[in-house]
Amino acid sequence: MSSDLDSGTAVATQRPPFTRTFGLRLALWYATLFVAGSIAIVFLTYYLTRISLELAARMIFLAKIVPTLEEGREVAQQKLLDGSGYRKFKEVIAAQGGNPQVLDRFDLLPNATGVREISSPRGGYISAIAAEDIGLASSMIGAGRNTKEDTIDPAVGVILEVKVGQKVEAGAVLCRLYYTSETNLEEAAEQVEDAFRISAQPPDERELILEVVS
């Protein structure tokens, strides 16, 4: 099989988790604000923004829409900030039979009935966040499946309020669990608490993109 395109490109990275949200409604909320060009969300999701723009730029370049990778980065940045990505997101939802109005009216989506805050037990620096533990905790409160027969609750999930390298004070909110049932809530809270590593010194700076494999 032949193709006019060059071989695919993968970007290897190291600084998980890249997302701040776990759960369908919360992820859609952040994704909507992201593609709408919200400066606050773009800043809060700095790592995810960089990775997303880099991958988009490489796909634009590989598709030969622009002659250079740098121009691909410029196009990707422009599409994020000028509303093109937001409009395309709506088109994708409509094409799949969904209601694109949910991007403008989040009240159309299912809502959580309770919020549980997880606070830092001491001051220091966030040296690591175990994304797998956060994901498992999300599943415990209904955001994921353990078996294919399980039902996903789209209203529930977790929002991270800190990122790796950030300095926190004792009692600062590390994340929030949004739930509709208290079943497994305590177990999920414990799982999330164990996901955060807090150290006295800031972690070593590391490159977000370790290498590019073509």
N, C-alpha and C. Protein backbone atom coordinates (compact mmCIF):
# COMPACT_ATOMS: atom_id res chain seq x y z
N MET A 1 0.85 -1.18 0.00
CA MET A 1 0.00 0.00 0.00
C MET A 1 0.88 1.23 0.00
N SER A 2 0.58 2.20 -0.86
CA SER A 2 1.37 3.42 -0.91
C SER A 2 0.52 4.61 -0.48
N SER A 3 1.21 5.68 -0.13
CA SER A 3 0.52 6.88 0.33
C SER A 3 1.32 8.09 -0.06
N ASP A 4 0.62 9.21 -0.31
CA ASP A 4 1.29 10.46 -0.62
C ASP A 4 1.83 11.14 0.63
N LEU A 5 1.42 10.64 1.79
CA LEU A 5 1.85 11.25 3.05
C LEU A 5 3.11 10.58 3.57
N ASP A 6 3.91 11.31 4.30
CA ASP A 6 5.05 10.73 4.98
C ASP A 6 4.53 9.84 6.12
N SER A 7 5.43 9.08 6.69
CA SER A 7 5.03 8.21 7.78
C SER A 7 4.56 9.04 8.97
N GLY A 8 3.72 8.42 9.79
CA GLY A 8 3.16 9.11 10.95
C GLY A 8 4.24 9.49 11.95
N THR A 9 3.89 10.41 12.81
CA THR A 9 4.83 10.90 13.80
C THR A 9 4.22 10.77 15.19
N ALA A 10 4.98 10.29 16.11
CA ALA A 10 4.51 10.18 17.49
C ALA A 10 5.38 11.07 18.36
N VAL A 11 4.77 11.72 19.31
CA VAL A 11 5.50 12.58 20.23
C VAL A 11 5.52 11.89 21.59
N ALA A 12 6.70 11.53 22.05
CA ALA A 12 6.84 10.88 23.34
C ALA A 12 6.92 11.96 24.41
N THR A 13 6.17 11.81 25.48
CA THR A 13 6.13 12.85 26.50
C THR A 13 6.27 12.23 27.89
N GLN A 14 6.57 13.09 28.85
CA GLN A 14 6.69 12.61 30.23
C GLN A 14 6.35 13.73 31.19
N ARG A 15 5.15 13.78 31.66
CA ARG A 15 4.71 14.67 32.72
C ARG A 15 3.22 14.47 32.95
N PRO A 16 2.80 13.25 33.21
CA PRO A 16 1.37 13.01 33.41
C PRO A 16 0.91 13.50 34.77
N PRO A 17 -0.42 13.74 34.94
CA PRO A 17 -1.43 13.67 33.88
C PRO A 17 -1.50 14.99 33.11
N PHE A 18 -1.84 14.91 31.81
CA PHE A 18 -1.91 16.11 30.99
C PHE A 18 -3.26 16.79 31.13
N THR A 19 -4.29 16.01 31.39
CA THR A 19 -5.62 16.59 31.57
C THR A 19 -5.86 16.97 33.01
N ARG A 20 -6.77 17.88 33.24
CA ARG A 20 -7.15 18.26 34.60
C ARG A 20 -8.49 17.65 34.97
N THR A 21 -9.15 16.99 34.04
CA THR A 21 -10.49 16.47 34.31
C THR A 21 -10.58 14.99 34.02
N PHE A 22 -11.37 14.29 34.82
CA PHE A 22 -11.68 12.88 34.63
C PHE A 22 -13.20 12.76 34.77
N GLY A 23 -13.87 12.25 33.73
CA GLY A 23 -15.32 12.18 33.75
C GLY A 23 -15.90 12.89 32.54
N LEU A 24 -17.01 12.40 32.01
CA LEU A 24 -17.53 12.88 30.73
C LEU A 24 -17.95 14.35 30.76
N ARG A 25 -18.80 14.73 31.71
CA ARG A 25 -19.29 16.11 31.73
C ARG A 25 -18.16 17.09 31.98
N LEU A 26 -17.30 16.77 32.94
CA LEU A 26 -16.21 17.67 33.28
C LEU A 26 -15.22 17.79 32.12
N ALA A 27 -14.96 16.67 31.45
CA ALA A 27 -14.04 16.70 30.31
C ALA A 27 -14.63 17.54 29.17
N LEU A 28 -15.94 17.40 28.93
CA LEU A 28 -16.59 18.18 27.88
C LEU A 28 -16.54 19.66 28.21
N TRP A 29 -16.75 19.99 29.48
CA TRP A 29 -16.69 21.39 29.91
C TRP A 29 -15.32 21.99 29.63
N TYR A 30 -14.27 21.30 30.04
CA TYR A 30 -12.92 21.81 29.81
C TYR A 30 -12.59 21.85 28.31
N ALA A 31 -12.99 20.80 27.59
CA ALA A 31 -12.70 20.75 26.15
C ALA A 31 -13.39 21.90 25.42
N THR A 32 -14.61 22.22 25.82
CA THR A 32 -15.35 23.31 25.20
C THR A 32 -14.65 24.64 25.43
N LEU A 33 -14.27 24.89 26.68
CA LEU A 33 -13.57 26.13 26.99
C LEU A 33 -12.23 26.19 26.29
N PHE A 34 -11.61 25.02 26.13
CA PHE A 34 -10.30 24.96 25.46
C PHE A 34 -10.43 25.34 23.99
N VAL A 35 -11.34 24.68 23.26
CA VAL A 35 -11.46 24.96 21.82
C VAL A 35 -12.09 26.33 21.58
N ALA A 36 -12.76 26.88 22.60
CA ALA A 36 -13.31 28.22 22.47
C ALA A 36 -12.23 29.29 22.69
N GLY A 37 -11.04 28.83 23.04
CA GLY A 37 -9.92 29.76 23.20
C GLY A 37 -9.87 30.47 24.53
N SER A 38 -10.49 29.88 25.57
CA SER A 38 -10.45 30.49 26.89
C SER A 38 -9.01 30.57 27.39
N ILE A 39 -8.54 31.77 27.60
CA ILE A 39 -7.15 31.96 28.02
C ILE A 39 -6.91 31.29 29.37
N ALA A 40 -7.89 31.38 30.27
CA ALA A 40 -7.74 30.79 31.60
C ALA A 40 -7.56 29.28 31.50
N ILE A 41 -8.38 28.62 30.67
CA ILE A 41 -8.29 27.17 30.55
C ILE A 41 -7.02 26.77 29.81
N VAL A 42 -6.66 27.53 28.78
CA VAL A 42 -5.42 27.24 28.06
C VAL A 42 -4.23 27.32 29.01
N PHE A 43 -4.26 28.29 29.93
CA PHE A 43 -3.18 28.42 30.92
C PHE A 43 -3.20 27.26 31.90
N LEU A 44 -4.39 26.91 32.41
CA LEU A 44 -4.50 25.84 33.39
C LEU A 44 -4.11 24.49 32.81
N THR A 45 -4.36 24.31 31.52
CA THR A 45 -4.04 23.04 30.86
C THR A 45 -2.81 23.22 29.98
N TYR A 46 -1.79 23.89 30.52
CA TYR A 46 -0.61 24.25 29.75
C TYR A 46 0.02 23.05 29.06
N TYR A 47 0.23 21.96 29.80
CA TYR A 47 0.89 20.79 29.22
C TYR A 47 0.03 20.19 28.11
N LEU A 48 -1.26 20.04 28.37
CA LEU A 48 -2.16 19.49 27.36
C LEU A 48 -2.22 20.40 26.14
N THR A 49 -2.21 21.71 26.36
CA THR A 49 -2.23 22.66 25.25
C THR A 49 -1.01 22.48 24.37
N ARG A 50 0.15 22.40 24.99
CA ARG A 50 1.38 22.25 24.21
C ARG A 50 1.38 20.97 23.40
N ILE A 51 0.98 19.87 24.05
CA ILE A 51 0.96 18.58 23.34
C ILE A 51 -0.04 18.61 22.21
N SER A 52 -1.24 19.13 22.48
CA SER A 52 -2.30 19.16 21.46
C SER A 52 -1.88 20.00 20.26
N LEU A 53 -1.31 21.17 20.52
CA LEU A 53 -0.88 22.04 19.42
C LEU A 53 0.26 21.42 18.63
N GLU A 54 1.17 20.74 19.32
CA GLU A 54 2.29 20.12 18.61
C GLU A 54 1.80 18.97 17.72
N LEU A 55 0.90 18.15 18.25
CA LEU A 55 0.37 17.05 17.44
C LEU A 55 -0.45 17.58 16.26
N ALA A 56 -1.25 18.61 16.52
CA ALA A 56 -2.04 19.21 15.43
C ALA A 56 -1.12 19.79 14.36
N ALA A 57 -0.06 20.47 14.79
CA ALA A 57 0.87 21.07 13.84
C ALA A 57 1.52 20.01 12.96
N ARG A 58 1.87 18.87 13.56
CA ARG A 58 2.51 17.82 12.79
C ARG A 58 1.54 17.16 11.81
N MET A 59 0.28 17.04 12.20
CA MET A 59 -0.71 16.49 11.26
C MET A 59 -0.97 17.46 10.11
N ILE A 60 -1.01 18.76 10.42
CA ILE A 60 -1.18 19.77 9.38
C ILE A 60 -0.02 19.74 8.40
N PHE A 61 1.18 19.60 8.96
CA PHE A 61 2.38 19.54 8.11
C PHE A 61 2.43 18.26 7.28
N LEU A 62 2.13 17.11 7.90
CA LEU A 62 2.14 15.84 7.18
C LEU A 62 1.09 15.80 6.08
N ALA A 63 -0.01 16.51 6.28
CA ALA A 63 -1.07 16.57 5.25
C ALA A 63 -0.71 17.55 4.14
N LYS A 64 0.46 18.20 4.27
CA LYS A 64 0.98 19.12 3.26
C LYS A 64 0.08 20.33 3.06
N ILE A 65 -0.58 20.73 4.14
CA ILE A 65 -1.39 21.95 4.10
C ILE A 65 -0.48 23.17 4.16
N VAL A 66 0.67 23.00 4.81
CA VAL A 66 1.68 24.05 4.89
C VAL A 66 3.03 23.44 4.56
N PRO A 67 3.97 24.25 4.10
CA PRO A 67 5.28 23.71 3.69
C PRO A 67 6.25 23.41 4.83
N THR A 68 6.03 24.01 5.99
CA THR A 68 6.97 23.79 7.09
C THR A 68 6.22 23.47 8.38
N LEU A 69 6.92 22.80 9.29
CA LEU A 69 6.33 22.46 10.58
C LEU A 69 6.03 23.71 11.39
N GLU A 70 6.89 24.71 11.31
CA GLU A 70 6.67 25.93 12.06
C GLU A 70 5.38 26.62 11.61
N GLU A 71 5.11 26.59 10.30
CA GLU A 71 3.86 27.17 9.81
C GLU A 71 2.66 26.33 10.28
N GLY A 72 2.89 25.03 10.44
CA GLY A 72 1.84 24.16 10.98
C GLY A 72 1.50 24.56 12.40
N ARG A 73 2.50 24.91 13.18
CA ARG A 73 2.27 25.37 14.55
C ARG A 73 1.49 26.68 14.56
N GLU A 74 1.81 27.57 13.63
CA GLU A 74 1.11 28.84 13.57
C GLU A 74 -0.36 28.65 13.20
N VAL A 75 -0.62 27.73 12.27
CA VAL A 75 -2.00 27.46 11.87
C VAL A 75 -2.79 26.85 13.03
N ALA A 76 -2.17 25.89 13.72
CA ALA A 76 -2.84 25.25 14.85
C ALA A 76 -3.18 26.28 15.93
N GLN A 77 -2.24 27.16 16.23
CA GLN A 77 -2.47 28.21 17.23
C GLN A 77 -3.60 29.13 16.80
N GLN A 78 -3.60 29.50 15.52
CA GLN A 78 -4.63 30.40 15.00
C GLN A 78 -6.01 29.77 15.10
N LYS A 79 -6.11 28.48 14.73
CA LYS A 79 -7.40 27.80 14.77
C LYS A 79 -7.94 27.68 16.19
N LEU A 80 -7.03 27.58 17.15
CA LEU A 80 -7.47 27.50 18.54
C LEU A 80 -8.04 28.82 19.01
N LEU A 81 -7.40 29.93 18.62
CA LEU A 81 -7.76 31.23 19.15
C LEU A 81 -8.84 31.96 18.37
N ASP A 82 -9.05 31.60 17.09
CA ASP A 82 -10.03 32.35 16.30
C ASP A 82 -11.43 31.74 16.30
N GLY A 83 -11.61 30.66 17.07
CA GLY A 83 -12.94 30.06 17.16
C GLY A 83 -13.21 28.96 16.16
N SER A 84 -12.26 28.69 15.25
CA SER A 84 -12.46 27.65 14.25
C SER A 84 -12.62 26.28 14.89
N GLY A 85 -11.80 26.01 15.90
CA GLY A 85 -11.88 24.72 16.57
C GLY A 85 -13.21 24.54 17.28
N TYR A 86 -13.71 25.62 17.86
CA TYR A 86 -15.00 25.57 18.56
C TYR A 86 -16.13 25.27 17.59
N ARG A 87 -16.12 25.95 16.44
CA ARG A 87 -17.17 25.72 15.44
C ARG A 87 -17.10 24.30 14.88
N LYS A 88 -15.89 23.81 14.66
CA LYS A 88 -15.73 22.44 14.15
C LYS A 88 -16.20 21.42 15.18
N PHE A 89 -15.94 21.70 16.46
CA PHE A 89 -16.39 20.80 17.53
C PHE A 89 -17.92 20.66 17.48
N LYS A 90 -18.62 21.78 17.28
CA LYS A 90 -20.07 21.74 17.17
C LYS A 90 -20.51 20.91 15.96
N GLU A 91 -19.82 21.07 14.85
CA GLU A 91 -20.16 20.31 13.64
C GLU A 91 -19.98 18.82 13.87
N VAL A 92 -18.94 18.44 14.58
CA VAL A 92 -18.68 17.03 14.87
C VAL A 92 -19.80 16.45 15.73
N ILE A 93 -20.22 17.21 16.74
CA ILE A 93 -21.31 16.75 17.61
C ILE A 93 -22.59 16.55 16.80
N ALA A 94 -22.92 17.53 15.96
CA ALA A 94 -24.14 17.45 15.14
C ALA A 94 -24.07 16.28 14.16
N ALA A 95 -22.89 16.06 13.58
CA ALA A 95 -22.72 14.97 12.61
C ALA A 95 -22.94 13.60 13.24
N GLN A 96 -22.73 13.51 14.56
CA GLN A 96 -22.93 12.25 15.25
C GLN A 96 -24.30 12.15 15.92
N GLY A 97 -25.17 13.08 15.58
CA GLY A 97 -26.53 13.04 16.10
C GLY A 97 -26.72 13.68 17.46
N GLY A 98 -25.71 14.40 17.94
CA GLY A 98 -25.80 15.05 19.23
C GLY A 98 -26.37 16.46 19.14
N ASN A 99 -26.53 17.09 20.28
CA ASN A 99 -27.05 18.44 20.33
C ASN A 99 -25.90 19.41 20.58
N PRO A 100 -25.47 20.17 19.57
CA PRO A 100 -24.34 21.08 19.76
C PRO A 100 -24.61 22.21 20.73
N GLN A 101 -25.88 22.43 21.10
CA GLN A 101 -26.21 23.50 22.05
C GLN A 101 -25.62 23.24 23.44
N VAL A 102 -25.25 21.99 23.71
CA VAL A 102 -24.68 21.69 25.03
C VAL A 102 -23.38 22.45 25.25
N LEU A 103 -22.71 22.87 24.18
CA LEU A 103 -21.47 23.61 24.34
C LEU A 103 -21.73 25.03 24.81
N ASP A 104 -22.93 25.53 24.60
CA ASP A 104 -23.31 26.86 25.05
C ASP A 104 -24.13 26.83 26.33
N ARG A 105 -24.78 25.69 26.58
CA ARG A 105 -25.65 25.57 27.75
C ARG A 105 -25.32 24.28 28.50
N PHE A 106 -24.43 24.40 29.46
CA PHE A 106 -24.02 23.22 30.21
C PHE A 106 -25.12 22.70 31.12
N ASP A 107 -26.17 23.53 31.31
CA ASP A 107 -27.29 23.06 32.12
C ASP A 107 -28.06 21.95 31.44
N LEU A 108 -27.82 21.75 30.13
CA LEU A 108 -28.47 20.66 29.41
C LEU A 108 -27.83 19.31 29.74
N LEU A 109 -26.66 19.35 30.36
CA LEU A 109 -25.95 18.12 30.69
C LEU A 109 -26.31 17.66 32.11
N PRO A 110 -26.11 16.37 32.39
CA PRO A 110 -26.35 15.87 33.75
C PRO A 110 -25.43 16.57 34.75
N ASN A 111 -25.94 16.82 35.95
CA ASN A 111 -25.16 17.52 36.98
C ASN A 111 -24.91 16.62 38.18
N ALA A 112 -23.73 16.78 38.78
CA ALA A 112 -23.43 16.08 40.02
C ALA A 112 -24.26 16.68 41.15
N THR A 113 -24.50 15.90 42.17
CA THR A 113 -25.29 16.36 43.31
C THR A 113 -24.44 16.69 44.53
N GLY A 114 -23.16 16.33 44.48
CA GLY A 114 -22.28 16.61 45.61
C GLY A 114 -20.84 16.80 45.17
N VAL A 115 -20.07 17.47 46.01
CA VAL A 115 -18.64 17.72 45.74
C VAL A 115 -17.84 17.39 46.98
N ARG A 116 -16.77 16.64 46.81
CA ARG A 116 -15.87 16.30 47.92
C ARG A 116 -14.49 16.88 47.61
N GLU A 117 -14.00 17.76 48.47
CA GLU A 117 -12.68 18.36 48.27
C GLU A 117 -11.61 17.50 48.94
N ILE A 118 -10.49 17.37 48.26
CA ILE A 118 -9.32 16.68 48.81
C ILE A 118 -8.24 17.73 49.06
N SER A 119 -7.84 17.89 50.32
CA SER A 119 -6.90 18.94 50.68
C SER A 119 -5.50 18.38 50.95
N SER A 120 -4.52 19.24 50.79
CA SER A 120 -3.14 18.84 51.04
C SER A 120 -2.89 18.69 52.54
N PRO A 121 -2.29 17.59 52.96
CA PRO A 121 -2.04 17.39 54.40
C PRO A 121 -0.90 18.24 54.92
N ARG A 122 -0.10 18.80 54.04
CA ARG A 122 1.03 19.61 54.46
C ARG A 122 1.47 20.50 53.30
N GLY A 123 2.29 21.46 53.60
CA GLY A 123 2.82 22.33 52.57
C GLY A 123 3.99 21.68 51.85
N GLY A 124 4.28 22.16 50.65
CA GLY A 124 5.39 21.63 49.87
C GLY A 124 5.15 21.78 48.39
N TYR A 125 5.79 20.93 47.63
CA TYR A 125 5.67 20.96 46.17
C TYR A 125 5.05 19.66 45.67
N ILE A 126 4.20 19.78 44.68
CA ILE A 126 3.64 18.59 44.05
C ILE A 126 4.73 17.96 43.18
N SER A 127 5.26 16.84 43.62
CA SER A 127 6.36 16.20 42.88
C SER A 127 5.85 15.17 41.87
N ALA A 128 4.65 14.65 42.09
CA ALA A 128 4.08 13.68 41.15
C ALA A 128 2.59 13.52 41.42
N ILE A 129 1.86 13.18 40.37
CA ILE A 129 0.44 12.84 40.48
C ILE A 129 0.23 11.55 39.71
N ALA A 130 -0.24 10.53 40.40
CA ALA A 130 -0.46 9.22 39.76
C ALA A 130 -1.78 9.25 39.00
N ALA A 131 -1.68 9.44 37.69
CA ALA A 131 -2.88 9.56 36.86
C ALA A 131 -3.74 8.29 36.93
N GLU A 132 -3.08 7.14 37.03
CA GLU A 132 -3.84 5.88 37.10
C GLU A 132 -4.72 5.84 38.34
N ASP A 133 -4.18 6.31 39.47
CA ASP A 133 -4.97 6.33 40.71
C ASP A 133 -6.17 7.26 40.58
N ILE A 134 -5.98 8.41 39.95
CA ILE A 134 -7.09 9.34 39.74
C ILE A 134 -8.15 8.69 38.85
N GLY A 135 -7.69 8.00 37.81
CA GLY A 135 -8.63 7.32 36.92
C GLY A 135 -9.40 6.23 37.63
N LEU A 136 -8.73 5.47 38.48
CA LEU A 136 -9.40 4.41 39.23
C LEU A 136 -10.44 4.99 40.19
N ALA A 137 -10.08 6.09 40.84
CA ALA A 137 -11.01 6.75 41.75
C ALA A 137 -12.24 7.25 40.99
N SER A 138 -12.02 7.79 39.81
CA SER A 138 -13.13 8.25 38.98
C SER A 138 -14.08 7.11 38.65
N SER A 139 -13.49 5.95 38.34
CA SER A 139 -14.32 4.79 38.03
C SER A 139 -15.13 4.34 39.24
N MET A 140 -14.54 4.47 40.43
CA MET A 140 -15.24 4.07 41.65
C MET A 140 -16.53 4.84 41.86
N ILE A 141 -16.54 6.11 41.46
CA ILE A 141 -17.75 6.92 41.67
C ILE A 141 -18.64 6.95 40.43
N GLY A 142 -18.28 6.14 39.41
CA GLY A 142 -19.17 5.98 38.27
C GLY A 142 -18.73 6.58 36.96
N ALA A 143 -17.52 7.18 36.90
CA ALA A 143 -17.09 7.84 35.67
C ALA A 143 -16.51 6.86 34.65
N GLY A 144 -16.26 5.62 35.08
CA GLY A 144 -15.70 4.63 34.16
C GLY A 144 -16.30 3.27 34.41
N ARG A 145 -15.85 2.29 33.66
CA ARG A 145 -16.36 0.93 33.77
C ARG A 145 -15.28 -0.02 34.27
N ASN A 146 -15.68 -0.96 35.11
CA ASN A 146 -14.82 -2.08 35.46
C ASN A 146 -15.12 -3.27 34.57
N THR A 147 -16.37 -3.38 34.11
CA THR A 147 -16.78 -4.41 33.16
C THR A 147 -17.61 -3.73 32.08
N LYS A 148 -17.77 -4.40 30.96
CA LYS A 148 -18.53 -3.80 29.86
C LYS A 148 -20.00 -3.62 30.19
N GLU A 149 -20.47 -4.34 31.22
CA GLU A 149 -21.88 -4.21 31.61
C GLU A 149 -22.13 -3.00 32.51
N ASP A 150 -21.08 -2.43 33.08
CA ASP A 150 -21.25 -1.29 33.98
C ASP A 150 -21.80 -0.08 33.23
N THR A 151 -22.58 0.73 33.94
CA THR A 151 -23.14 1.95 33.37
C THR A 151 -22.30 3.15 33.80
N ILE A 152 -21.97 4.02 32.86
CA ILE A 152 -21.20 5.22 33.16
C ILE A 152 -22.15 6.34 33.55
N ASP A 153 -21.82 7.04 34.63
CA ASP A 153 -22.57 8.21 35.06
C ASP A 153 -21.87 9.44 34.48
N PRO A 154 -22.44 10.09 33.48
CA PRO A 154 -21.75 11.21 32.82
C PRO A 154 -21.60 12.45 33.68
N ALA A 155 -22.32 12.52 34.80
CA ALA A 155 -22.28 13.72 35.64
C ALA A 155 -21.09 13.75 36.57
N VAL A 156 -20.49 12.60 36.85
CA VAL A 156 -19.47 12.53 37.90
C VAL A 156 -18.06 12.62 37.34
N GLY A 157 -17.10 12.83 38.24
CA GLY A 157 -15.71 12.88 37.81
C GLY A 157 -14.83 13.61 38.80
N VAL A 158 -13.62 13.92 38.35
CA VAL A 158 -12.62 14.57 39.21
C VAL A 158 -12.00 15.73 38.44
N ILE A 159 -11.81 16.84 39.14
CA ILE A 159 -11.06 17.98 38.59
C ILE A 159 -9.82 18.19 39.44
N LEU A 160 -8.66 18.20 38.80
CA LEU A 160 -7.41 18.49 39.51
C LEU A 160 -7.25 20.01 39.63
N GLU A 161 -6.88 20.46 40.80
CA GLU A 161 -6.69 21.89 41.03
C GLU A 161 -5.22 22.28 41.09
N VAL A 162 -4.33 21.31 41.00
CA VAL A 162 -2.89 21.57 41.03
C VAL A 162 -2.21 20.78 39.94
N LYS A 163 -0.96 21.13 39.67
CA LYS A 163 -0.18 20.40 38.68
C LYS A 163 1.20 20.10 39.25
N VAL A 164 1.91 19.20 38.59
CA VAL A 164 3.25 18.82 39.04
C VAL A 164 4.17 20.04 39.03
N GLY A 165 4.91 20.21 40.12
CA GLY A 165 5.82 21.34 40.26
C GLY A 165 5.24 22.51 41.02
N GLN A 166 3.93 22.49 41.22
CA GLN A 166 3.27 23.62 41.89
C GLN A 166 3.51 23.59 43.39
N LYS A 167 3.71 24.77 43.98
CA LYS A 167 3.85 24.87 45.43
C LYS A 167 2.47 24.99 46.06
N VAL A 168 2.25 24.25 47.14
CA VAL A 168 0.95 24.29 47.82
C VAL A 168 1.16 24.50 49.32
N GLU A 169 0.16 25.07 49.95
CA GLU A 169 0.16 25.24 51.39
C GLU A 169 -0.66 24.12 52.03
N ALA A 170 -0.45 23.88 53.29
CA ALA A 170 -1.26 22.89 54.01
C ALA A 170 -2.72 23.30 53.96
N GLY A 171 -3.58 22.37 53.61
CA GLY A 171 -5.01 22.67 53.53
C GLY A 171 -5.47 23.13 52.16
N ALA A 172 -4.54 23.36 51.23
CA ALA A 172 -4.92 23.78 49.88
C ALA A 172 -5.67 22.64 49.19
N VAL A 173 -6.64 22.99 48.36
CA VAL A 173 -7.43 21.98 47.65
C VAL A 173 -6.60 21.40 46.51
N LEU A 174 -6.42 20.08 46.54
CA LEU A 174 -5.67 19.39 45.49
C LEU A 174 -6.57 19.01 44.33
N CYS A 175 -7.78 18.58 44.66
CA CYS A 175 -8.73 18.21 43.62
C CYS A 175 -10.13 18.15 44.22
N ARG A 176 -11.12 18.03 43.34
CA ARG A 176 -12.51 17.91 43.76
C ARG A 176 -13.15 16.71 43.09
N LEU A 177 -13.87 15.93 43.87
CA LEU A 177 -14.63 14.79 43.36
C LEU A 177 -16.10 15.20 43.24
N TYR A 178 -16.66 15.05 42.06
CA TYR A 178 -18.06 15.36 41.82
C TYR A 178 -18.81 14.03 41.72
N TYR A 179 -19.86 13.87 42.54
CA TYR A 179 -20.53 12.58 42.62
C TYR A 179 -22.05 12.74 42.65
N THR A 180 -22.75 11.64 42.37
CA THR A 180 -24.21 11.60 42.47
C THR A 180 -24.66 10.55 43.49
N SER A 181 -23.72 9.78 44.00
CA SER A 181 -24.00 8.77 45.01
C SER A 181 -22.80 8.66 45.93
N GLU A 182 -23.06 8.42 47.21
CA GLU A 182 -21.96 8.29 48.16
C GLU A 182 -21.39 6.88 48.20
N THR A 183 -21.93 5.99 47.37
CA THR A 183 -21.38 4.64 47.27
C THR A 183 -19.94 4.72 46.76
N ASN A 184 -19.03 4.11 47.47
CA ASN A 184 -17.60 4.07 47.12
C ASN A 184 -16.91 5.43 47.23
N LEU A 185 -17.61 6.44 47.75
CA LEU A 185 -17.02 7.78 47.80
C LEU A 185 -15.80 7.83 48.70
N GLU A 186 -15.88 7.22 49.89
CA GLU A 186 -14.75 7.24 50.81
C GLU A 186 -13.54 6.52 50.23
N GLU A 187 -13.80 5.38 49.59
CA GLU A 187 -12.70 4.62 48.97
C GLU A 187 -12.07 5.43 47.84
N ALA A 188 -12.90 6.12 47.06
CA ALA A 188 -12.39 6.94 45.97
C ALA A 188 -11.56 8.10 46.51
N ALA A 189 -12.03 8.71 47.60
CA ALA A 189 -11.29 9.82 48.20
C ALA A 189 -9.92 9.37 48.69
N GLU A 190 -9.86 8.20 49.29
CA GLU A 190 -8.58 7.67 49.75
C GLU A 190 -7.65 7.38 48.58
N GLN A 191 -8.22 6.86 47.49
CA GLN A 191 -7.42 6.55 46.30
C GLN A 191 -6.81 7.83 45.74
N VAL A 192 -7.61 8.89 45.72
CA VAL A 192 -7.14 10.17 45.19
C VAL A 192 -6.06 10.77 46.10
N GLU A 193 -6.28 10.70 47.39
CA GLU A 193 -5.30 11.24 48.34
C GLU A 193 -3.94 10.58 48.14
N ASP A 194 -3.94 9.29 47.87
CA ASP A 194 -2.68 8.56 47.68
C ASP A 194 -2.02 8.88 46.34
N ALA A 195 -2.75 9.54 45.45
CA ALA A 195 -2.21 9.82 44.12
C ALA A 195 -1.23 10.99 44.11
N PHE A 196 -1.31 11.84 45.14
CA PHE A 196 -0.48 13.04 45.17
C PHE A 196 0.79 12.82 45.99
N ARG A 197 1.92 13.17 45.41
CA ARG A 197 3.20 13.11 46.10
C ARG A 197 3.63 14.55 46.40
N ILE A 198 3.89 14.82 47.67
CA ILE A 198 4.28 16.17 48.08
C ILE A 198 5.65 16.12 48.72
N SER A 199 6.57 16.93 48.22
CA SER A 199 7.94 16.92 48.72
C SER A 199 8.34 18.31 49.19
N ALA A 200 9.42 18.36 49.96
CA ALA A 200 9.89 19.63 50.51
C ALA A 200 10.56 20.49 49.45
N GLN A 201 11.11 19.85 48.42
CA GLN A 201 11.81 20.57 47.36
C GLN A 201 11.05 20.41 46.04
N PRO A 202 11.14 21.41 45.16
CA PRO A 202 10.46 21.29 43.86
C PRO A 202 11.10 20.18 43.02
N PRO A 203 10.32 19.49 42.21
CA PRO A 203 10.88 18.42 41.38
C PRO A 203 11.77 19.01 40.29
N ASP A 204 12.67 18.19 39.77
CA ASP A 204 13.55 18.63 38.69
C ASP A 204 12.73 18.95 37.44
N GLU A 205 13.13 20.01 36.76
CA GLU A 205 12.48 20.36 35.50
C GLU A 205 12.80 19.31 34.45
N ARG A 206 11.79 18.93 33.69
CA ARG A 206 11.99 17.95 32.62
C ARG A 206 11.33 18.46 31.34
N GLU A 207 11.90 18.07 30.23
CA GLU A 207 11.31 18.46 28.96
C GLU A 207 9.94 17.81 28.81
N LEU A 208 8.98 18.57 28.33
CA LEU A 208 7.64 18.01 28.12
C LEU A 208 7.65 17.00 26.98
N ILE A 209 8.33 17.35 25.89
CA ILE A 209 8.45 16.44 24.74
C ILE A 209 9.85 15.84 24.78
N LEU A 210 9.91 14.54 25.05
CA LEU A 210 11.20 13.88 25.18
C LEU A 210 11.86 13.61 23.84
N GLU A 211 11.05 13.15 22.89
CA GLU A 211 11.59 12.87 21.56
C GLU A 211 10.45 12.75 20.57
N VAL A 212 10.79 12.87 19.31
CA VAL A 212 9.82 12.70 18.23
C VAL A 212 10.25 11.51 17.39
N VAL A 213 9.35 10.56 17.21
CA VAL A 213 9.64 9.35 16.46
C VAL A 213 8.89 9.40 15.15
N SER A 214 9.61 9.36 14.05
CA SER A 214 8.98 9.42 12.73
C SER A 214 9.01 8.07 12.03
